[in-house]
Amino acid sequence: MLKRILNKYSLLPKRIHSLIAVQFFLNIIHVAFVLILNIYLRKKGFSDPQIANYNSLRFLGVLMFALPFGIFIKSRNLKPFFILSSFLVPSFSLVLINAIDKNLELLIPFGFFGWGISMMLMNVCSLPFILRNTNNKNSIESLSLSFSTWSLAMMFSGLIISGLQSIGDLKIFHLIFYFNEYTLLTIISLLSFLSLPFSVSINEKHSSKTDRINYNSFSSIVESYDWHLILKAITPNVAISIGAGLTIPFINLFFNSIFQLDSDSFSLLGSITSFIVFVTALFVPTIKNKFGYWVSIVFVQSCSIVCLLTLAFTEIFSTNDLSLSIAILAYVFRQPLMHMAHPSANELTMNYVGEKNQELISALNSSLWSASWFISAKLFQFLRENGFEYYKIFFITSLLYVIGTIFYGMIILSFNKKKEARLQNKEQILTLDNID
């Protein structure tokens, strides 16, 4: 069975494999930031509210530019933007890391802002590119493989961070390299430049200029899309992204504050979790094709909410000897379950809105995700400044996840009704043809 599943992934178009490589090498620095950047900022003397404020700036950049960028790329070639992102993401990463190291407080916000926009170029273009270059038979495999690059990158960066930190330092001739957060983030930033040759190698079918839509006015933009479908499709994503923004960027601070896990221990935990995420992601197409969207989205997200609530309660009972073990188990299982729903959720929303709305929905999802995380970072900053414990913030996240899951259920019902109506129309046409 596993061999058959892996064979399906190997048969995907070469350009999809090139995109996956680009995503992997750009994600290695992204996940490295998730794993240890906040801890690095804390060690440099920044408080939780300051860290939350800096994190909000990278989402602000995406919020400002993702939507107009999504409209701009409709029917345009996407390869140039992958190349641009492959150069800018590691470049801004190095600017940011050195600004933090030198305590250049005016440059740090610029680094966060520029890094967010650079990563947005790849994220907004990826979904439309995959859907342009796949069909109904292999789109879910391509989307699953695309999402699995995050977990592969987490495994890779996590092992590098925990492995090199366990070594401590390395002496080469008269030079001594100390494997602290600064050195590790620099190494991974340089490695992410390896995305460039893969982005250059993408063999994209050139789109004709006549295929492009020219927008002469705001009304022409409005009339070019099915806004009632788009608004329904983005609603669950807004709820889930606000909740995720309250928790995911700061989960390392939770483990560091409550259980005193340092960057090396949390990175190792992230690698173990990501291995489980990667393995489970491979089975998403099989689960979706066999059980449908109800299981691959609603059921797995519901299970992840239970894990998040369990994680929240470990802070309340943190003095208990088992609390750390339970927290680790809840974290390890929550992440794969939530990630398993993403490919199916994206396929559902893309199919629900239709082909002509796909570039815009991709941009909107990226923009709204960033807007939500910007709001969440500010909300987290406010809550922490006012003495809110982490477990209360996790409860808020769980409630938002529940709301998002309910809305996904409503979209599934609507999508299935449309699908049944199309099948009935086809059957009626066939019946009329037979009568004739």
Protein backbone atom coordinates (compact mmCIF):
# COMPACT_ATOMS: atom_id res chain seq x y z
CA MET A 1 0.00 0.00 0.00
CA LEU A 2 2.77 2.46 0.94
CA LYS A 3 4.62 1.66 -2.29
CA ARG A 4 1.48 2.43 -4.32
CA ILE A 5 1.00 5.74 -2.48
CA LEU A 6 4.64 6.80 -3.00
CA ASN A 7 4.41 5.82 -6.68
CA LYS A 8 1.52 8.28 -7.15
CA TYR A 9 3.69 11.09 -5.78
CA SER A 10 6.63 10.14 -8.03
CA LEU A 11 4.40 10.34 -11.14
CA LEU A 12 3.51 13.99 -10.55
CA PRO A 13 4.71 16.46 -13.22
CA LYS A 14 8.37 17.48 -13.00
CA ARG A 15 7.43 21.15 -12.58
CA ILE A 16 5.46 20.21 -9.45
CA HIS A 17 8.52 18.41 -8.04
CA SER A 18 10.61 21.55 -8.74
CA LEU A 19 8.06 23.70 -6.89
CA ILE A 20 8.11 21.29 -3.94
CA ALA A 21 11.91 21.69 -3.74
CA VAL A 22 11.56 25.50 -3.79
CA GLN A 23 8.99 25.34 -0.99
CA PHE A 24 11.18 23.01 1.07
CA PHE A 25 14.30 25.20 0.96
CA LEU A 26 12.35 28.38 1.71
CA ASN A 27 10.44 26.67 4.51
CA ILE A 28 13.62 25.55 6.30
CA ILE A 29 14.29 29.14 7.37
CA HIS A 30 10.58 29.75 8.01
CA VAL A 31 10.37 26.83 10.45
CA ALA A 32 13.72 27.77 11.99
CA PHE A 33 12.16 31.13 12.84
CA VAL A 34 9.14 29.33 14.32
CA LEU A 35 11.38 27.06 16.39
CA ILE A 36 13.97 29.43 17.86
CA LEU A 37 13.61 33.06 16.70
CA ASN A 38 11.32 34.03 19.58
CA ILE A 39 13.63 32.32 22.07
CA TYR A 40 16.59 34.15 20.47
CA LEU A 41 14.75 37.48 20.82
CA ARG A 42 13.98 36.69 24.48
CA LYS A 43 17.66 35.90 25.14
CA LYS A 44 18.57 39.26 23.56
CA GLY A 45 16.40 40.97 26.17
CA PHE A 46 13.08 41.46 24.39
CA SER A 47 9.83 40.92 26.32
CA ASP A 48 6.82 38.83 25.17
CA PRO A 49 4.83 41.96 24.10
CA GLN A 50 7.85 43.26 22.10
CA ILE A 51 8.29 39.88 20.41
CA ALA A 52 4.58 39.78 19.55
CA ASN A 53 4.83 43.30 18.09
CA TYR A 54 7.76 42.34 15.85
CA ASN A 55 5.98 39.17 14.70
CA SER A 56 2.92 41.20 13.75
CA LEU A 57 4.96 43.24 11.25
CA ARG A 58 5.64 40.32 8.91
CA PHE A 59 1.91 39.67 8.74
CA LEU A 60 1.23 43.37 8.13
CA GLY A 61 3.34 43.28 4.94
CA VAL A 62 1.40 40.32 3.59
CA LEU A 63 -1.91 41.93 4.55
CA MET A 64 -1.04 45.03 2.52
CA PHE A 65 0.15 43.34 -0.66
CA ALA A 66 -1.32 39.81 -0.95
CA LEU A 67 -4.73 40.80 -2.34
CA PRO A 68 -3.52 43.19 -5.08
CA PHE A 69 -0.77 40.69 -5.90
CA GLY A 70 -3.35 37.90 -6.27
CA ILE A 71 -5.36 40.02 -8.71
CA PHE A 72 -2.17 40.94 -10.59
CA ILE A 73 -1.00 37.33 -11.18
CA LYS A 74 -4.28 36.14 -12.73
CA SER A 75 -3.35 34.40 -16.02
CA ARG A 76 0.29 35.52 -15.66
CA ASN A 77 3.41 33.36 -15.56
CA LEU A 78 4.35 32.56 -11.96
CA LYS A 79 7.96 31.38 -12.38
CA PRO A 80 9.50 34.89 -12.05
CA PHE A 81 7.87 35.31 -8.65
CA PHE A 82 9.26 31.97 -7.44
CA ILE A 83 12.75 33.13 -8.51
CA LEU A 84 12.29 36.49 -6.79
CA SER A 85 11.06 34.85 -3.59
CA SER A 86 14.00 32.39 -3.64
CA PHE A 87 16.41 35.31 -3.56
CA LEU A 88 14.59 37.69 -1.22
CA VAL A 89 13.54 35.28 1.57
CA PRO A 90 17.08 34.21 2.59
CA SER A 91 18.38 37.76 1.99
CA PHE A 92 15.86 39.35 4.37
CA SER A 93 16.46 36.49 6.82
CA LEU A 94 20.14 37.44 7.02
CA VAL A 95 19.24 41.13 7.42
CA LEU A 96 16.85 40.31 10.27
CA ILE A 97 19.21 37.95 12.12
CA ASN A 98 22.09 40.44 11.99
CA ALA A 99 19.83 43.32 13.03
CA ILE A 100 18.81 41.34 16.13
CA ASP A 101 22.42 40.36 16.85
CA LYS A 102 23.64 43.98 16.61
CA ASN A 103 20.52 45.25 18.45
CA LEU A 104 19.62 47.55 15.54
CA GLU A 105 16.07 48.25 16.67
CA LEU A 106 15.24 50.42 13.64
CA LEU A 107 16.29 47.65 11.22
CA ILE A 108 14.50 44.76 12.97
CA PRO A 109 10.97 45.91 11.92
CA PHE A 110 12.22 46.35 8.32
CA GLY A 111 13.59 42.78 8.38
CA PHE A 112 10.32 41.30 9.62
CA PHE A 113 8.24 43.35 7.14
CA GLY A 114 10.42 42.52 4.10
CA TRP A 115 10.68 38.86 5.03
CA GLY A 116 6.89 38.55 5.24
CA ILE A 117 6.36 40.07 1.77
CA SER A 118 9.10 37.90 0.26
CA MET A 119 7.55 34.71 1.63
CA MET A 120 4.13 35.88 0.44
CA LEU A 121 5.30 35.80 -3.19
CA MET A 122 5.87 32.05 -3.01
CA ASN A 123 2.82 31.26 -0.87
CA VAL A 124 0.28 33.12 -3.01
CA CYS A 125 1.61 31.67 -6.28
CA SER A 126 1.94 28.05 -5.14
CA LEU A 127 -1.73 27.00 -5.05
CA PRO A 128 -2.68 28.49 -8.45
CA PHE A 129 0.47 26.99 -9.98
CA ILE A 130 -0.39 23.52 -8.66
CA LEU A 131 -3.98 23.71 -9.89
CA ARG A 132 -2.88 24.97 -13.31
CA ASN A 133 -0.51 22.04 -13.72
CA THR A 134 -2.58 19.16 -12.30
CA ASN A 135 -5.98 17.61 -12.87
CA ASN A 136 -8.75 16.12 -10.73
CA LYS A 137 -6.85 12.82 -10.49
CA ASN A 138 -3.61 14.15 -9.01
CA SER A 139 -4.44 17.58 -7.50
CA ILE A 140 -4.92 16.22 -3.96
CA GLU A 141 -1.55 14.39 -4.15
CA SER A 142 0.15 17.60 -5.30
CA LEU A 143 -1.50 19.65 -2.55
CA SER A 144 -0.60 17.06 0.11
CA LEU A 145 3.02 16.98 -1.05
CA SER A 146 3.10 20.77 -1.06
CA PHE A 147 1.86 20.92 2.53
CA SER A 148 4.26 18.17 3.60
CA THR A 149 7.23 20.42 2.71
CA TRP A 150 6.53 22.29 5.94
CA SER A 151 6.93 19.14 8.04
CA LEU A 152 9.98 17.99 6.06
CA ALA A 153 11.55 21.41 6.58
CA MET A 154 10.69 21.25 10.29
CA MET A 155 12.40 17.86 10.58
CA PHE A 156 15.46 19.10 8.70
CA SER A 157 15.87 22.40 10.57
CA GLY A 158 14.96 20.85 13.91
CA LEU A 159 17.63 18.17 13.58
CA ILE A 160 20.24 20.72 12.48
CA ILE A 161 19.44 22.99 15.43
CA SER A 162 19.32 20.27 18.10
CA GLY A 163 22.30 18.41 16.61
CA LEU A 164 24.64 21.39 16.31
CA GLN A 165 23.61 22.82 19.68
CA SER A 166 24.48 19.48 21.27
CA ILE A 167 27.99 19.85 19.78
CA GLY A 168 28.27 23.34 21.27
CA ASP A 169 31.18 24.71 19.24
CA LEU A 170 33.55 23.79 16.42
CA LYS A 171 37.19 24.84 16.09
CA ILE A 172 38.64 25.17 12.58
CA PHE A 173 42.27 26.28 12.70
CA HIS A 174 42.19 29.45 14.85
CA LEU A 175 38.47 30.08 14.36
CA ILE A 176 35.86 28.90 16.85
CA PHE A 177 32.22 28.64 15.73
CA TYR A 178 29.72 28.69 18.57
CA PHE A 179 26.44 27.04 17.60
CA ASN A 180 24.13 29.52 19.25
CA GLU A 181 20.83 30.78 17.81
CA TYR A 182 22.57 33.43 15.68
CA THR A 183 24.94 30.95 14.03
CA LEU A 184 22.24 28.34 13.45
CA LEU A 185 19.82 30.80 11.85
CA THR A 186 22.63 32.13 9.64
CA ILE A 187 23.55 28.61 8.46
CA ILE A 188 19.92 27.76 7.63
CA SER A 189 19.41 31.12 5.86
CA LEU A 190 22.39 30.39 3.61
CA LEU A 191 21.05 26.88 2.89
CA SER A 192 17.72 28.35 1.79
CA PHE A 193 19.49 29.97 -1.19
CA LEU A 194 19.45 26.43 -2.65
CA SER A 195 15.84 27.15 -3.64
CA LEU A 196 17.14 29.39 -6.46
CA PRO A 197 18.30 26.67 -8.94
CA PHE A 198 15.02 24.80 -8.47
CA SER A 199 12.91 27.90 -9.11
CA VAL A 200 14.96 28.63 -12.24
CA SER A 201 14.45 25.03 -13.44
CA ILE A 202 10.63 25.24 -13.29
CA ASN A 203 9.35 24.57 -16.81
CA GLU A 204 6.23 26.71 -16.95
CA LYS A 205 3.85 26.91 -19.87
CA HIS A 206 3.92 30.53 -20.99
CA SER A 207 0.56 32.23 -20.79
CA SER A 208 -0.55 34.38 -23.69
CA LYS A 209 -0.98 38.10 -23.09
CA THR A 210 -4.41 37.82 -24.67
CA ASP A 211 -5.46 35.54 -21.79
CA ARG A 212 -4.84 38.25 -19.24
CA ILE A 213 -7.70 40.26 -17.88
CA ASN A 214 -7.33 44.05 -18.01
CA TYR A 215 -9.13 45.82 -15.20
CA ASN A 216 -10.17 49.32 -16.31
CA SER A 217 -12.13 50.11 -13.17
CA PHE A 218 -12.98 48.85 -9.72
CA SER A 219 -16.37 47.67 -10.98
CA SER A 220 -14.69 45.45 -13.59
CA ILE A 221 -12.74 43.75 -10.78
CA VAL A 222 -15.92 43.20 -8.78
CA GLU A 223 -17.77 41.76 -11.77
CA SER A 224 -14.93 39.36 -12.65
CA TYR A 225 -15.37 37.19 -9.55
CA ASP A 226 -18.13 35.26 -7.75
CA TRP A 227 -17.97 37.13 -4.46
CA HIS A 228 -20.81 35.25 -2.76
CA LEU A 229 -18.87 31.98 -3.19
CA ILE A 230 -15.58 33.59 -2.17
CA LEU A 231 -17.01 35.04 1.05
CA LYS A 232 -18.45 31.65 2.05
CA ALA A 233 -15.15 29.92 1.29
CA ILE A 234 -12.94 32.28 3.32
CA THR A 235 -15.12 32.40 6.45
CA PRO A 236 -13.77 29.21 8.14
CA ASN A 237 -10.22 30.16 7.23
CA VAL A 238 -10.61 33.52 9.01
CA ALA A 239 -11.81 31.90 12.24
CA ILE A 240 -9.11 29.21 12.22
CA SER A 241 -6.31 31.61 11.27
CA ILE A 242 -7.14 34.05 14.09
CA GLY A 243 -7.06 31.15 16.53
CA ALA A 244 -3.84 29.77 15.08
CA GLY A 245 -2.20 33.19 15.26
CA LEU A 246 -2.84 33.30 19.00
CA THR A 247 -1.04 30.02 19.57
CA ILE A 248 1.33 28.74 16.84
CA PRO A 249 3.88 31.63 16.77
CA PHE A 250 4.16 31.59 20.57
CA ILE A 251 3.98 27.88 21.40
CA ASN A 252 7.76 27.85 21.93
CA LEU A 253 7.36 30.61 24.54
CA PHE A 254 4.74 28.46 26.28
CA PHE A 255 7.09 25.47 26.58
CA ASN A 256 10.00 27.75 27.53
CA SER A 257 8.01 29.59 30.23
CA ILE A 258 5.99 26.72 31.72
CA PHE A 259 8.37 23.77 31.31
CA GLN A 260 11.74 25.56 30.74
CA LEU A 261 12.36 23.86 27.36
CA ASP A 262 15.28 25.59 25.62
CA SER A 263 15.68 26.00 21.84
CA ASP A 264 17.56 22.70 21.35
CA SER A 265 14.93 20.64 23.20
CA PHE A 266 12.01 22.37 21.47
CA SER A 267 13.69 21.94 18.07
CA LEU A 268 14.08 18.20 18.68
CA LEU A 269 10.42 18.04 19.71
CA GLY A 270 9.52 19.91 16.52
CA SER A 271 11.47 17.40 14.41
CA ILE A 272 9.71 14.41 15.98
CA THR A 273 6.33 16.07 15.50
CA SER A 274 7.13 16.96 11.90
CA PHE A 275 8.06 13.37 11.09
CA ILE A 276 4.59 12.32 12.20
CA VAL A 277 3.07 15.21 10.20
CA PHE A 278 4.96 14.10 7.08
CA VAL A 279 3.94 10.46 7.38
CA THR A 280 0.28 11.28 8.03
CA ALA A 281 0.26 13.81 5.15
CA LEU A 282 1.13 11.02 2.70
CA PHE A 283 -2.13 9.26 3.59
CA VAL A 284 -4.35 12.33 3.21
CA PRO A 285 -5.34 11.55 -0.42
CA THR A 286 -6.27 7.98 0.55
CA ILE A 287 -8.35 9.15 3.53
CA LYS A 288 -10.05 11.86 1.50
CA ASN A 289 -10.84 9.58 -1.45
CA LYS A 290 -12.14 6.80 0.81
CA PHE A 291 -14.04 8.75 3.48
CA GLY A 292 -14.61 12.18 1.91
CA TYR A 293 -14.31 15.69 3.28
CA TRP A 294 -16.26 15.00 6.49
CA VAL A 295 -13.49 12.77 7.84
CA SER A 296 -10.47 14.43 6.18
CA ILE A 297 -11.48 17.92 7.41
CA VAL A 298 -14.16 17.97 10.13
CA PHE A 299 -13.22 14.83 12.08
CA VAL A 300 -9.43 15.37 12.12
CA GLN A 301 -9.80 19.05 13.06
CA SER A 302 -12.14 18.10 15.90
CA CYS A 303 -9.54 15.66 17.23
CA SER A 304 -6.86 18.38 17.06
CA ILE A 305 -9.06 20.71 19.13
CA VAL A 306 -9.23 18.05 21.87
CA CYS A 307 -5.41 17.89 21.85
CA LEU A 308 -5.14 21.69 22.14
CA LEU A 309 -7.50 21.74 25.12
CA THR A 310 -5.39 19.00 26.73
CA LEU A 311 -2.28 21.15 26.17
CA ALA A 312 -4.02 24.09 27.84
CA PHE A 313 -4.86 22.08 30.96
CA THR A 314 -1.19 21.07 31.41
CA GLU A 315 -0.41 24.66 32.46
CA ILE A 316 -3.13 24.53 35.12
CA PHE A 317 -1.65 21.29 36.48
CA SER A 318 1.99 22.13 35.63
CA THR A 319 3.18 21.11 39.10
CA ASN A 320 2.10 17.53 38.41
CA ASP A 321 4.97 15.22 37.44
CA LEU A 322 3.10 13.99 34.34
CA SER A 323 2.16 17.43 33.01
CA LEU A 324 5.24 17.82 30.78
CA SER A 325 4.78 14.36 29.25
CA ILE A 326 1.09 15.03 28.60
CA ALA A 327 1.92 18.46 27.11
CA ILE A 328 4.45 16.89 24.73
CA LEU A 329 1.99 14.16 23.66
CA ALA A 330 -0.78 16.72 23.10
CA TYR A 331 1.55 18.92 21.03
CA VAL A 332 2.89 15.97 19.03
CA PHE A 333 -0.60 14.75 18.06
CA ARG A 334 -2.31 18.13 17.65
CA GLN A 335 -0.05 19.34 14.87
CA PRO A 336 -0.38 16.29 12.52
CA LEU A 337 -4.16 16.26 12.95
CA MET A 338 -4.50 19.95 12.09
CA HIS A 339 -2.10 19.67 9.16
CA MET A 340 -3.93 16.64 7.76
CA ALA A 341 -7.00 18.84 7.18
CA HIS A 342 -5.18 21.56 5.22
CA PRO A 343 -4.77 19.86 1.79
CA SER A 344 -8.38 18.68 1.77
CA ALA A 345 -9.64 22.07 2.98
CA ASN A 346 -7.73 23.86 0.23
CA GLU A 347 -8.96 21.46 -2.44
CA LEU A 348 -12.52 21.87 -1.15
CA THR A 349 -12.41 25.68 -1.23
CA MET A 350 -10.71 25.79 -4.65
CA ASN A 351 -13.31 23.43 -6.14
CA TYR A 352 -16.13 25.26 -4.37
CA VAL A 353 -15.26 28.70 -5.80
CA GLY A 354 -14.44 27.46 -9.32
CA GLU A 355 -11.49 27.96 -11.65
CA LYS A 356 -11.91 31.69 -12.38
CA ASN A 357 -11.75 32.58 -8.67
CA GLN A 358 -8.73 30.44 -7.72
CA GLU A 359 -5.93 33.05 -7.93
CA LEU A 360 -8.01 35.49 -5.92
CA ILE A 361 -9.01 32.94 -3.26
CA SER A 362 -5.34 31.96 -2.88
CA ALA A 363 -4.37 35.62 -2.40
CA LEU A 364 -7.31 36.24 -0.07
CA ASN A 365 -6.45 33.22 2.05
CA SER A 366 -2.84 34.40 2.33
CA SER A 367 -3.92 38.00 3.02
CA LEU A 368 -6.60 37.06 5.53
CA TRP A 369 -4.32 34.53 7.23
CA SER A 370 -1.73 37.26 7.66
CA ALA A 371 -4.34 39.84 8.68
CA SER A 372 -5.67 37.40 11.25
CA TRP A 373 -2.18 36.64 12.55
CA PHE A 374 -1.45 40.38 12.69
CA ILE A 375 -4.60 40.87 14.77
CA SER A 376 -3.76 37.78 16.84
CA ALA A 377 -0.21 38.97 17.53
CA LYS A 378 -1.58 42.32 18.75
CA LEU A 379 -4.24 40.50 20.79
CA PHE A 380 -1.60 38.16 22.27
CA GLN A 381 0.51 41.22 23.11
CA PHE A 382 -2.48 42.85 24.85
CA LEU A 383 -3.47 39.68 26.73
CA ARG A 384 0.05 38.98 27.97
CA GLU A 385 0.54 42.62 29.04
CA ASN A 386 -2.65 42.26 31.10
CA GLY A 387 -1.51 39.05 32.79
CA PHE A 388 -3.46 36.45 30.82
CA GLU A 389 -2.03 32.96 31.25
CA TYR A 390 -1.25 30.82 28.19
CA TYR A 391 -4.03 28.33 28.92
CA LYS A 392 -6.71 31.05 28.67
CA ILE A 393 -5.33 32.05 25.27
CA PHE A 394 -5.43 28.37 24.19
CA PHE A 395 -9.10 28.22 25.24
CA ILE A 396 -9.85 31.18 22.96
CA THR A 397 -8.00 29.43 20.12
CA SER A 398 -10.03 26.24 20.66
CA LEU A 399 -13.30 28.18 20.47
CA LEU A 400 -12.27 29.81 17.19
CA TYR A 401 -11.23 26.39 15.80
CA VAL A 402 -14.69 25.02 16.66
CA ILE A 403 -16.35 27.91 14.80
CA GLY A 404 -14.11 27.35 11.75
CA THR A 405 -14.81 23.61 11.73
CA ILE A 406 -18.57 24.21 11.82
CA PHE A 407 -18.30 26.55 8.83
CA TYR A 408 -16.27 23.93 6.92
CA GLY A 409 -19.12 21.50 7.58
CA MET A 410 -21.57 23.98 6.06
CA ILE A 411 -19.39 24.35 2.94
CA ILE A 412 -19.19 20.56 2.57
CA LEU A 413 -22.99 20.32 2.69
CA SER A 414 -23.33 23.06 0.07
CA PHE A 415 -20.62 21.55 -2.16
CA ASN A 416 -22.19 18.07 -2.00
CA LYS A 417 -25.62 19.49 -2.92
CA LYS A 418 -24.11 21.23 -5.95
CA LYS A 419 -22.34 18.03 -6.95
CA GLU A 420 -25.55 16.01 -6.69
CA ALA A 421 -27.45 18.64 -8.71
CA ARG A 422 -24.85 18.47 -11.51
CA LEU A 423 -25.08 14.67 -11.58
CA GLN A 424 -28.88 14.80 -11.76
CA ASN A 425 -28.72 17.28 -14.65
CA LYS A 426 -26.33 14.98 -16.52
CA GLU A 427 -28.64 12.01 -15.94
CA GLN A 428 -31.63 14.01 -17.23
CA ILE A 429 -29.72 15.02 -20.36
CA LEU A 430 -28.70 11.39 -20.98
CA THR A 431 -32.31 10.26 -20.49
CA LEU A 432 -33.59 12.85 -22.99
CA ASP A 433 -30.92 11.78 -25.50
CA ASN A 434 -32.00 8.15 -25.15
CA ILE A 435 -35.69 9.10 -25.69
CA ASP A 436 -34.74 10.98 -28.87
